[in-house]
C-alpha cells in the first residue's frame, strides 16, 4: 500500500494496537471526502483486500456500486464532517 506522506508502518511499531486503529481511522479528525455510505463502501473494500490508493481509484470503485453520487453529493467535491465518537474521545483523554 502506498501512503504518500503517511507513516503507518512506523506508527504501528511504536503505539498500542488500539491507538493505532483509532489513528488509522480518525487521523484526519472529522474531515471526510465521502458520505457515510461512500466511506463505508471504501472501508469494506480495503478490509477485504481491495487496494484503493488514490482519489481516482476511489471514484472508480464507488461507480461500480452506483455510489459515486450519494443523495446528490459527488464523492470528494468538499470536506464533509463526521464527529469523533465519544468512545474515541474518552479513550484518548484517558491516555
N, C-alpha and C. Protein backbone atom coordinates (compact mmCIF):
# COMPACT_ATOMS: atom_id res chain seq x y z
N UNK A 1 0.83 -1.17 0.00
CA UNK A 1 0.00 0.00 0.00
C UNK A 1 0.88 1.24 0.00
N UNK A 2 0.53 2.20 -0.81
CA UNK A 2 1.26 3.45 -0.85
C UNK A 2 0.64 4.40 0.16
N UNK A 3 1.47 5.16 0.84
CA UNK A 3 0.94 6.02 1.87
C UNK A 3 1.35 7.47 1.74
N UNK A 4 1.83 7.89 0.65
CA UNK A 4 2.31 9.24 0.40
C UNK A 4 2.10 10.19 1.58
N UNK A 5 3.15 10.42 2.33
CA UNK A 5 3.11 11.35 3.44
C UNK A 5 2.67 10.72 4.75
N UNK A 6 2.19 9.52 4.73
CA UNK A 6 1.76 8.86 5.96
C UNK A 6 2.92 8.01 6.50
N UNK A 7 2.90 7.75 7.77
CA UNK A 7 3.97 6.99 8.40
C UNK A 7 3.39 5.76 9.09
N UNK A 8 2.48 5.08 8.42
CA UNK A 8 1.73 3.99 9.03
C UNK A 8 2.61 2.90 9.62
N UNK A 9 3.59 2.43 8.89
CA UNK A 9 4.42 1.34 9.41
C UNK A 9 5.18 1.77 10.65
N UNK A 10 5.72 2.98 10.64
CA UNK A 10 6.47 3.46 11.78
C UNK A 10 5.57 3.64 13.00
N UNK A 11 4.39 4.20 12.78
CA UNK A 11 3.46 4.43 13.89
C UNK A 11 3.00 3.10 14.48
N UNK A 12 2.71 2.14 13.63
CA UNK A 12 2.24 0.83 14.09
C UNK A 12 3.23 0.19 15.05
N UNK A 13 4.50 0.43 14.85
CA UNK A 13 5.54 -0.20 15.66
C UNK A 13 5.72 0.44 17.03
N UNK A 14 5.23 1.67 17.21
CA UNK A 14 5.55 2.36 18.46
C UNK A 14 4.35 2.69 19.34
N UNK A 15 3.14 2.41 18.88
CA UNK A 15 1.98 2.72 19.71
C UNK A 15 1.14 1.46 19.92
N UNK A 16 0.30 1.45 20.95
CA UNK A 16 -0.57 0.29 21.19
C UNK A 16 -1.52 0.05 20.01
N UNK A 17 -1.92 -1.20 19.81
CA UNK A 17 -2.77 -1.57 18.68
C UNK A 17 -4.06 -0.77 18.64
N UNK A 18 -4.72 -0.59 19.78
CA UNK A 18 -5.99 0.15 19.82
C UNK A 18 -5.78 1.59 19.39
N UNK A 19 -4.72 2.21 19.84
CA UNK A 19 -4.43 3.59 19.46
C UNK A 19 -4.12 3.67 17.97
N UNK A 20 -3.41 2.68 17.45
CA UNK A 20 -3.11 2.65 16.02
C UNK A 20 -4.40 2.57 15.20
N UNK A 21 -5.34 1.73 15.62
CA UNK A 21 -6.61 1.60 14.89
C UNK A 21 -7.38 2.91 14.92
N UNK A 22 -7.37 3.59 16.06
CA UNK A 22 -8.03 4.90 16.15
C UNK A 22 -7.33 5.88 15.23
N UNK A 23 -6.01 5.92 15.27
CA UNK A 23 -5.27 6.85 14.43
C UNK A 23 -5.54 6.59 12.95
N UNK A 24 -5.52 5.33 12.55
CA UNK A 24 -5.74 4.98 11.15
C UNK A 24 -7.12 5.43 10.68
N UNK A 25 -8.12 5.28 11.53
CA UNK A 25 -9.49 5.63 11.17
C UNK A 25 -9.77 7.12 11.27
N UNK A 26 -9.15 7.78 12.24
CA UNK A 26 -9.54 9.16 12.54
C UNK A 26 -8.43 10.18 12.36
N UNK A 27 -7.32 9.86 11.69
CA UNK A 27 -6.19 10.80 11.64
C UNK A 27 -6.49 12.12 10.95
N UNK A 28 -7.56 12.20 10.19
CA UNK A 28 -7.96 13.49 9.61
C UNK A 28 -9.06 14.14 10.44
N UNK A 29 -9.18 13.69 11.68
CA UNK A 29 -10.23 14.17 12.59
C UNK A 29 -11.59 13.98 11.96
N UNK A 30 -12.31 15.05 11.74
CA UNK A 30 -13.66 14.88 11.24
C UNK A 30 -13.80 15.24 9.75
N UNK A 31 -12.71 15.27 9.00
CA UNK A 31 -12.77 15.59 7.58
C UNK A 31 -12.92 14.30 6.77
N UNK A 32 -13.94 14.25 5.94
CA UNK A 32 -14.22 13.09 5.10
C UNK A 32 -14.50 13.54 3.68
N UNK A 33 -13.97 12.81 2.72
CA UNK A 33 -14.22 13.12 1.30
C UNK A 33 -15.56 12.57 0.84
N UNK A 34 -16.11 11.62 1.60
CA UNK A 34 -17.35 10.99 1.19
C UNK A 34 -18.40 10.98 2.27
N UNK A 35 -19.60 10.63 1.85
CA UNK A 35 -20.69 10.46 2.80
C UNK A 35 -20.42 9.20 3.63
N UNK A 36 -21.26 8.98 4.63
CA UNK A 36 -21.10 7.77 5.43
C UNK A 36 -21.17 6.53 4.54
N UNK A 37 -22.11 6.50 3.63
CA UNK A 37 -22.28 5.35 2.73
C UNK A 37 -21.04 5.15 1.87
N UNK A 38 -20.54 6.21 1.26
CA UNK A 38 -19.36 6.12 0.41
C UNK A 38 -18.14 5.66 1.20
N UNK A 39 -17.93 6.26 2.37
CA UNK A 39 -16.77 5.89 3.18
C UNK A 39 -16.87 4.44 3.65
N UNK A 40 -18.06 3.98 3.97
CA UNK A 40 -18.23 2.61 4.43
C UNK A 40 -17.94 1.62 3.30
N UNK A 41 -18.36 1.93 2.09
CA UNK A 41 -18.05 1.07 0.93
C UNK A 41 -16.54 0.97 0.75
N UNK A 42 -15.85 2.09 0.84
CA UNK A 42 -14.40 2.09 0.68
C UNK A 42 -13.70 1.37 1.82
N UNK A 43 -14.19 1.54 3.06
CA UNK A 43 -13.60 0.82 4.20
C UNK A 43 -13.76 -0.69 4.04
N UNK A 44 -14.94 -1.13 3.62
CA UNK A 44 -15.18 -2.56 3.42
C UNK A 44 -14.31 -3.11 2.30
N UNK A 45 -14.13 -2.33 1.25
CA UNK A 45 -13.27 -2.77 0.14
C UNK A 45 -11.84 -2.98 0.64
N UNK A 46 -11.32 -2.01 1.37
CA UNK A 46 -9.95 -2.11 1.87
C UNK A 46 -9.82 -3.28 2.84
N UNK A 47 -10.83 -3.48 3.69
CA UNK A 47 -10.80 -4.58 4.66
C UNK A 47 -10.79 -5.94 3.95
N UNK A 48 -11.38 -6.00 2.76
CA UNK A 48 -11.41 -7.27 2.03
C UNK A 48 -10.21 -7.43 1.10
N UNK A 49 -9.26 -6.48 1.16
CA UNK A 49 -8.04 -6.61 0.39
C UNK A 49 -7.98 -5.85 -0.91
N UNK A 50 -9.03 -5.11 -1.23
CA UNK A 50 -9.03 -4.29 -2.44
C UNK A 50 -8.12 -3.09 -2.21
N UNK A 51 -7.20 -2.87 -3.13
CA UNK A 51 -6.28 -1.73 -2.99
C UNK A 51 -6.89 -0.50 -3.64
N UNK A 52 -7.08 0.52 -2.85
CA UNK A 52 -7.57 1.80 -3.33
C UNK A 52 -6.58 2.83 -2.81
N UNK A 53 -5.72 3.29 -3.69
CA UNK A 53 -4.59 4.12 -3.26
C UNK A 53 -4.71 5.60 -3.57
N UNK A 54 -5.71 5.98 -4.34
CA UNK A 54 -5.83 7.40 -4.65
C UNK A 54 -7.28 7.76 -4.96
N UNK A 55 -7.50 9.03 -5.19
CA UNK A 55 -8.84 9.57 -5.43
C UNK A 55 -9.50 8.93 -6.64
N UNK A 56 -8.78 8.81 -7.74
CA UNK A 56 -9.37 8.23 -8.95
C UNK A 56 -9.80 6.79 -8.74
N UNK A 57 -8.98 6.01 -8.03
CA UNK A 57 -9.34 4.62 -7.75
C UNK A 57 -10.58 4.57 -6.86
N UNK A 58 -10.68 5.48 -5.89
CA UNK A 58 -11.86 5.52 -5.03
C UNK A 58 -13.10 5.85 -5.85
N UNK A 59 -13.00 6.84 -6.72
CA UNK A 59 -14.14 7.22 -7.56
C UNK A 59 -14.57 6.06 -8.45
N UNK A 60 -13.62 5.41 -9.09
CA UNK A 60 -13.94 4.28 -9.96
C UNK A 60 -14.60 3.15 -9.19
N UNK A 61 -14.10 2.87 -8.00
CA UNK A 61 -14.67 1.80 -7.19
C UNK A 61 -16.11 2.15 -6.79
N UNK A 62 -16.32 3.37 -6.36
CA UNK A 62 -17.67 3.78 -5.97
C UNK A 62 -18.64 3.72 -7.14
N UNK A 63 -18.17 4.04 -8.33
CA UNK A 63 -19.03 3.98 -9.52
C UNK A 63 -19.51 2.56 -9.77
N UNK A 64 -18.68 1.58 -9.46
CA UNK A 64 -19.07 0.18 -9.65
C UNK A 64 -20.27 -0.18 -8.78
N UNK A 65 -20.45 0.53 -7.67
CA UNK A 65 -21.56 0.26 -6.76
C UNK A 65 -22.64 1.34 -6.84
N UNK A 66 -22.59 2.13 -7.91
CA UNK A 66 -23.54 3.22 -8.10
C UNK A 66 -23.58 4.13 -6.87
N UNK A 67 -22.39 4.38 -6.30
CA UNK A 67 -22.32 5.19 -5.08
C UNK A 67 -21.41 6.40 -5.25
N UNK A 68 -20.94 6.67 -6.47
CA UNK A 68 -20.09 7.84 -6.68
C UNK A 68 -20.86 9.12 -6.31
N UNK A 69 -22.15 9.12 -6.59
CA UNK A 69 -23.02 10.20 -6.15
C UNK A 69 -24.00 9.60 -5.15
N UNK A 70 -23.98 10.11 -3.94
CA UNK A 70 -24.85 9.62 -2.88
C UNK A 70 -25.76 10.76 -2.43
N UNK A 71 -27.03 10.61 -2.66
CA UNK A 71 -28.02 11.63 -2.30
C UNK A 71 -27.61 13.01 -2.80
N UNK A 72 -27.15 13.08 -4.03
CA UNK A 72 -26.77 14.34 -4.66
C UNK A 72 -25.35 14.80 -4.41
N UNK A 73 -24.62 14.13 -3.53
CA UNK A 73 -23.25 14.53 -3.21
C UNK A 73 -22.26 13.68 -3.99
N UNK A 74 -21.44 14.34 -4.80
CA UNK A 74 -20.41 13.66 -5.58
C UNK A 74 -19.16 13.50 -4.71
N UNK A 75 -18.66 12.28 -4.62
CA UNK A 75 -17.51 11.96 -3.77
C UNK A 75 -16.36 12.93 -4.01
N UNK A 76 -15.85 13.48 -2.93
CA UNK A 76 -14.65 14.30 -2.97
C UNK A 76 -14.82 15.73 -3.41
N UNK A 77 -16.03 16.22 -3.54
CA UNK A 77 -16.20 17.60 -4.00
C UNK A 77 -16.02 18.63 -2.89
N UNK A 78 -16.05 18.17 -1.63
CA UNK A 78 -15.74 19.05 -0.50
C UNK A 78 -15.47 18.16 0.72
N UNK A 79 -14.98 18.75 1.78
CA UNK A 79 -14.79 18.00 3.02
C UNK A 79 -16.12 17.95 3.76
N UNK A 80 -16.48 16.75 4.17
CA UNK A 80 -17.68 16.56 4.99
C UNK A 80 -17.24 16.32 6.42
N UNK A 81 -18.11 16.63 7.34
CA UNK A 81 -17.78 16.49 8.76
C UNK A 81 -18.38 15.21 9.32
N UNK A 82 -17.55 14.47 10.01
CA UNK A 82 -18.01 13.30 10.76
C UNK A 82 -17.45 13.44 12.17
N UNK A 83 -18.33 13.58 13.11
CA UNK A 83 -17.92 13.79 14.51
C UNK A 83 -17.15 12.59 15.04
N UNK A 84 -16.14 12.88 15.86
CA UNK A 84 -15.45 11.80 16.56
C UNK A 84 -16.42 11.17 17.56
N UNK A 85 -16.47 9.85 17.60
CA UNK A 85 -17.34 9.20 18.59
C UNK A 85 -16.84 9.49 20.01
N UNK A 86 -17.76 9.57 20.94
CA UNK A 86 -17.40 9.85 22.33
C UNK A 86 -16.43 8.81 22.87
N UNK A 87 -16.59 7.54 22.46
CA UNK A 87 -15.69 6.49 22.94
C UNK A 87 -14.25 6.75 22.51
N UNK A 88 -14.03 7.33 21.34
CA UNK A 88 -12.69 7.67 20.89
C UNK A 88 -12.14 8.83 21.73
N UNK A 89 -12.95 9.82 21.94
CA UNK A 89 -12.54 10.96 22.76
C UNK A 89 -12.18 10.50 24.17
N UNK A 90 -13.02 9.65 24.74
CA UNK A 90 -12.77 9.15 26.10
C UNK A 90 -11.47 8.36 26.16
N UNK A 91 -11.23 7.50 25.16
CA UNK A 91 -10.00 6.70 25.15
C UNK A 91 -8.77 7.60 25.10
N UNK A 92 -8.78 8.57 24.21
CA UNK A 92 -7.64 9.48 24.07
C UNK A 92 -7.43 10.28 25.36
N UNK A 93 -8.51 10.76 25.95
CA UNK A 93 -8.40 11.53 27.19
C UNK A 93 -7.82 10.72 28.34
N UNK A 94 -8.03 9.41 28.31
CA UNK A 94 -7.55 8.55 29.39
C UNK A 94 -6.08 8.16 29.23
N UNK A 95 -5.47 8.46 28.11
CA UNK A 95 -4.07 8.08 27.91
C UNK A 95 -3.14 8.88 28.80
